[in-house]
Amino acid sequence: MPITVDIDVMLAKRKMSVGELADRVGITPANLAVLKNGRAKAVRFTTLAALCEVLECQPGDLLRWEAGDATENNEDTVDAVDAANG
């Protein structure tokens, strides 16, 4: 996935545990782990805002884009849609 989540970096900078962050944000530690480990498909803006508020950071401190295979997959999807539309 071309979006990398850097929650662990901010946790280390703030000397905060995953459990403490989850409690303060109001999500389960399991859901935070899914996000932190890059397995999430989406994140709500309200959750992102709460993470930023608790960690005293900007969204760009938590999320960054990296070029990779997903760009190729998007091009394949566009090609498939174009082919289907004739």
N, C-alpha and C. Protein backbone atom coordinates (compact mmCIF):
# COMPACT_ATOMS: atom_id res chain seq x y z
N MET A 1 0.85 -1.18 0.00
CA MET A 1 0.00 0.00 0.00
C MET A 1 0.90 1.24 0.00
N PRO A 2 0.58 2.22 -0.80
CA PRO A 2 1.46 3.38 -0.89
C PRO A 2 1.34 4.35 0.28
N ILE A 3 0.36 4.18 1.16
CA ILE A 3 0.24 5.04 2.33
C ILE A 3 0.88 4.32 3.52
N THR A 4 1.86 4.96 4.13
CA THR A 4 2.54 4.41 5.29
C THR A 4 2.07 5.16 6.53
N VAL A 5 1.79 4.41 7.58
CA VAL A 5 1.31 4.98 8.84
C VAL A 5 2.48 5.01 9.82
N ASP A 6 2.76 6.20 10.34
CA ASP A 6 3.89 6.38 11.25
C ASP A 6 3.45 6.64 12.69
N ILE A 7 2.39 5.98 13.12
CA ILE A 7 1.92 6.17 14.49
C ILE A 7 3.00 5.74 15.48
N ASP A 8 3.71 4.66 15.17
CA ASP A 8 4.74 4.18 16.09
C ASP A 8 5.84 5.22 16.32
N VAL A 9 6.15 6.00 15.30
CA VAL A 9 7.16 7.06 15.43
C VAL A 9 6.67 8.11 16.42
N MET A 10 5.41 8.52 16.27
CA MET A 10 4.86 9.54 17.17
C MET A 10 4.69 9.00 18.58
N LEU A 11 4.34 7.73 18.71
CA LEU A 11 4.24 7.12 20.04
C LEU A 11 5.60 7.16 20.75
N ALA A 12 6.65 6.84 20.02
CA ALA A 12 7.99 6.87 20.61
C ALA A 12 8.38 8.29 21.01
N LYS A 13 8.08 9.26 20.14
CA LYS A 13 8.42 10.65 20.45
C LYS A 13 7.67 11.15 21.68
N ARG A 14 6.43 10.67 21.85
CA ARG A 14 5.59 11.13 22.97
C ARG A 14 5.73 10.23 24.20
N LYS A 15 6.54 9.17 24.06
CA LYS A 15 6.73 8.19 25.13
C LYS A 15 5.37 7.68 25.65
N MET A 16 4.55 7.24 24.70
CA MET A 16 3.19 6.79 25.00
C MET A 16 3.02 5.36 24.50
N SER A 17 2.25 4.56 25.22
CA SER A 17 1.98 3.18 24.80
C SER A 17 0.78 3.14 23.86
N VAL A 18 0.67 2.05 23.14
CA VAL A 18 -0.48 1.84 22.25
C VAL A 18 -1.76 1.83 23.06
N GLY A 19 -1.74 1.17 24.21
CA GLY A 19 -2.93 1.10 25.06
C GLY A 19 -3.37 2.47 25.55
N GLU A 20 -2.40 3.29 25.97
CA GLU A 20 -2.74 4.64 26.44
C GLU A 20 -3.32 5.48 25.30
N LEU A 21 -2.71 5.40 24.11
CA LEU A 21 -3.22 6.15 22.97
C LEU A 21 -4.63 5.70 22.62
N ALA A 22 -4.85 4.39 22.59
CA ALA A 22 -6.18 3.87 22.26
C ALA A 22 -7.22 4.38 23.25
N ASP A 23 -6.89 4.35 24.54
CA ASP A 23 -7.82 4.85 25.57
C ASP A 23 -8.12 6.32 25.36
N ARG A 24 -7.10 7.12 25.12
CA ARG A 24 -7.29 8.56 25.00
C ARG A 24 -8.02 8.94 23.72
N VAL A 25 -7.85 8.14 22.66
CA VAL A 25 -8.52 8.42 21.39
C VAL A 25 -9.95 7.86 21.39
N GLY A 26 -10.16 6.79 22.14
CA GLY A 26 -11.48 6.18 22.20
C GLY A 26 -11.69 5.08 21.19
N ILE A 27 -10.62 4.36 20.83
CA ILE A 27 -10.74 3.21 19.95
C ILE A 27 -10.11 2.01 20.65
N THR A 28 -10.38 0.83 20.16
CA THR A 28 -9.83 -0.37 20.79
C THR A 28 -8.35 -0.50 20.43
N PRO A 29 -7.56 -1.10 21.33
CA PRO A 29 -6.15 -1.35 20.99
C PRO A 29 -6.01 -2.20 19.72
N ALA A 30 -6.95 -3.12 19.50
CA ALA A 30 -6.89 -3.96 18.29
C ALA A 30 -7.07 -3.11 17.03
N ASN A 31 -8.02 -2.18 17.04
CA ASN A 31 -8.22 -1.31 15.87
C ASN A 31 -7.04 -0.37 15.67
N LEU A 32 -6.46 0.09 16.76
CA LEU A 32 -5.27 0.94 16.64
C LEU A 32 -4.12 0.14 16.06
N ALA A 33 -3.99 -1.12 16.46
CA ALA A 33 -2.93 -1.98 15.93
C ALA A 33 -3.10 -2.19 14.43
N VAL A 34 -4.34 -2.38 13.98
CA VAL A 34 -4.61 -2.55 12.54
C VAL A 34 -4.15 -1.30 11.79
N LEU A 35 -4.46 -0.14 12.31
CA LEU A 35 -4.04 1.11 11.68
C LEU A 35 -2.52 1.27 11.74
N LYS A 36 -1.96 1.03 12.91
CA LYS A 36 -0.52 1.21 13.12
C LYS A 36 0.32 0.28 12.24
N ASN A 37 -0.18 -0.93 12.02
CA ASN A 37 0.57 -1.91 11.24
C ASN A 37 0.30 -1.84 9.74
N GLY A 38 -0.47 -0.83 9.32
CA GLY A 38 -0.69 -0.63 7.89
C GLY A 38 -1.68 -1.57 7.26
N ARG A 39 -2.51 -2.22 8.06
CA ARG A 39 -3.49 -3.16 7.52
C ARG A 39 -4.86 -2.52 7.30
N ALA A 40 -5.04 -1.28 7.72
CA ALA A 40 -6.33 -0.60 7.57
C ALA A 40 -6.54 -0.18 6.12
N LYS A 41 -7.77 -0.29 5.65
CA LYS A 41 -8.12 0.15 4.30
C LYS A 41 -8.55 1.61 4.29
N ALA A 42 -8.96 2.12 5.46
CA ALA A 42 -9.45 3.49 5.56
C ALA A 42 -9.32 3.96 7.00
N VAL A 43 -9.38 5.27 7.18
CA VAL A 43 -9.41 5.85 8.52
C VAL A 43 -10.39 7.02 8.48
N ARG A 44 -11.24 7.11 9.47
CA ARG A 44 -12.19 8.22 9.52
C ARG A 44 -11.45 9.50 9.89
N PHE A 45 -11.91 10.61 9.34
CA PHE A 45 -11.30 11.89 9.68
C PHE A 45 -11.44 12.18 11.16
N THR A 46 -12.53 11.75 11.78
CA THR A 46 -12.70 11.99 13.22
C THR A 46 -11.65 11.23 14.02
N THR A 47 -11.32 10.02 13.59
CA THR A 47 -10.27 9.24 14.26
C THR A 47 -8.92 9.88 14.02
N LEU A 48 -8.66 10.31 12.80
CA LEU A 48 -7.39 10.97 12.49
C LEU A 48 -7.25 12.26 13.30
N ALA A 49 -8.33 13.02 13.41
CA ALA A 49 -8.30 14.25 14.19
C ALA A 49 -8.03 13.96 15.66
N ALA A 50 -8.66 12.91 16.19
CA ALA A 50 -8.44 12.55 17.60
C ALA A 50 -7.00 12.10 17.83
N LEU A 51 -6.45 11.33 16.89
CA LEU A 51 -5.04 10.92 16.99
C LEU A 51 -4.13 12.14 17.01
N CYS A 52 -4.40 13.09 16.11
CA CYS A 52 -3.58 14.30 16.03
C CYS A 52 -3.70 15.13 17.31
N GLU A 53 -4.90 15.21 17.85
CA GLU A 53 -5.11 15.99 19.08
C GLU A 53 -4.33 15.37 20.24
N VAL A 54 -4.45 14.07 20.42
CA VAL A 54 -3.79 13.39 21.53
C VAL A 54 -2.27 13.42 21.36
N LEU A 55 -1.81 13.19 20.13
CA LEU A 55 -0.35 13.15 19.88
C LEU A 55 0.24 14.54 19.61
N GLU A 56 -0.63 15.55 19.56
CA GLU A 56 -0.19 16.93 19.30
C GLU A 56 0.67 16.99 18.04
N CYS A 57 0.06 16.56 16.93
CA CYS A 57 0.77 16.52 15.66
C CYS A 57 -0.19 16.85 14.52
N GLN A 58 0.32 16.85 13.32
CA GLN A 58 -0.45 17.08 12.11
C GLN A 58 -0.69 15.73 11.41
N PRO A 59 -1.75 15.63 10.57
CA PRO A 59 -1.98 14.38 9.85
C PRO A 59 -0.75 13.90 9.07
N GLY A 60 -0.01 14.82 8.51
CA GLY A 60 1.20 14.45 7.77
C GLY A 60 2.29 13.85 8.63
N ASP A 61 2.20 14.02 9.94
CA ASP A 61 3.15 13.37 10.84
C ASP A 61 2.80 11.90 11.02
N LEU A 62 1.56 11.53 10.73
CA LEU A 62 1.10 10.16 10.91
C LEU A 62 0.99 9.37 9.62
N LEU A 63 0.76 10.06 8.51
CA LEU A 63 0.54 9.41 7.22
C LEU A 63 1.49 9.98 6.18
N ARG A 64 2.05 9.08 5.36
CA ARG A 64 2.86 9.56 4.24
C ARG A 64 2.67 8.62 3.05
N TRP A 65 2.83 9.20 1.88
CA TRP A 65 2.66 8.45 0.64
C TRP A 65 4.01 7.98 0.14
N GLU A 66 4.06 6.72 -0.30
CA GLU A 66 5.26 6.16 -0.92
C GLU A 66 4.86 5.52 -2.24
N ALA A 67 5.58 5.83 -3.28
CA ALA A 67 5.31 5.21 -4.58
C ALA A 67 5.55 3.71 -4.46
N GLY A 68 4.75 2.94 -5.19
CA GLY A 68 4.94 1.49 -5.13
C GLY A 68 3.96 0.78 -6.02
N ASP A 69 3.69 -0.47 -5.66
CA ASP A 69 2.85 -1.34 -6.47
C ASP A 69 1.43 -0.84 -6.61
N ALA A 70 0.91 -0.14 -5.63
CA ALA A 70 -0.49 0.30 -5.69
C ALA A 70 -0.72 1.23 -6.88
N THR A 71 0.28 2.02 -7.26
CA THR A 71 0.15 2.89 -8.41
C THR A 71 -0.08 2.05 -9.66
N GLU A 72 0.68 0.96 -9.79
CA GLU A 72 0.50 0.07 -10.93
C GLU A 72 -0.88 -0.56 -10.90
N ASN A 73 -1.37 -0.95 -9.70
CA ASN A 73 -2.70 -1.54 -9.59
C ASN A 73 -3.76 -0.54 -10.01
N ASN A 74 -3.61 0.73 -9.67
CA ASN A 74 -4.58 1.75 -10.07
C ASN A 74 -4.58 1.90 -11.58
N GLU A 75 -3.41 1.85 -12.21
CA GLU A 75 -3.34 1.95 -13.66
C GLU A 75 -4.03 0.75 -14.30
N ASP A 76 -3.86 -0.45 -13.72
CA ASP A 76 -4.52 -1.63 -14.24
C ASP A 76 -6.03 -1.48 -14.14
N THR A 77 -6.51 -0.91 -13.02
CA THR A 77 -7.94 -0.70 -12.84
C THR A 77 -8.47 0.27 -13.87
N VAL A 78 -7.75 1.36 -14.11
CA VAL A 78 -8.17 2.33 -15.12
C VAL A 78 -8.20 1.67 -16.50
N ASP A 79 -7.18 0.86 -16.83
CA ASP A 79 -7.16 0.17 -18.10
C ASP A 79 -8.35 -0.78 -18.24
N ALA A 80 -8.71 -1.49 -17.15
CA ALA A 80 -9.83 -2.41 -17.18
C ALA A 80 -11.15 -1.66 -17.37
N VAL A 81 -11.29 -0.53 -16.71
CA VAL A 81 -12.51 0.29 -16.86
C VAL A 81 -12.60 0.81 -18.29
N ASP A 82 -11.47 1.31 -18.83
CA ASP A 82 -11.46 1.81 -20.21
C ASP A 82 -11.84 0.71 -21.19
N ALA A 83 -11.32 -0.51 -20.96
CA ALA A 83 -11.62 -1.62 -21.85
C ALA A 83 -13.10 -1.99 -21.77
N ALA A 84 -13.64 -1.95 -20.55
CA ALA A 84 -15.06 -2.30 -20.37
C ALA A 84 -15.99 -1.27 -21.02
N ASN A 85 -15.53 -0.01 -21.06
CA ASN A 85 -16.35 1.04 -21.65
C ASN A 85 -16.17 1.15 -23.16
N GLY A 86 -15.29 0.33 -23.70
CA GLY A 86 -15.15 0.22 -25.12
C GLY A 86 -14.37 1.23 -25.81
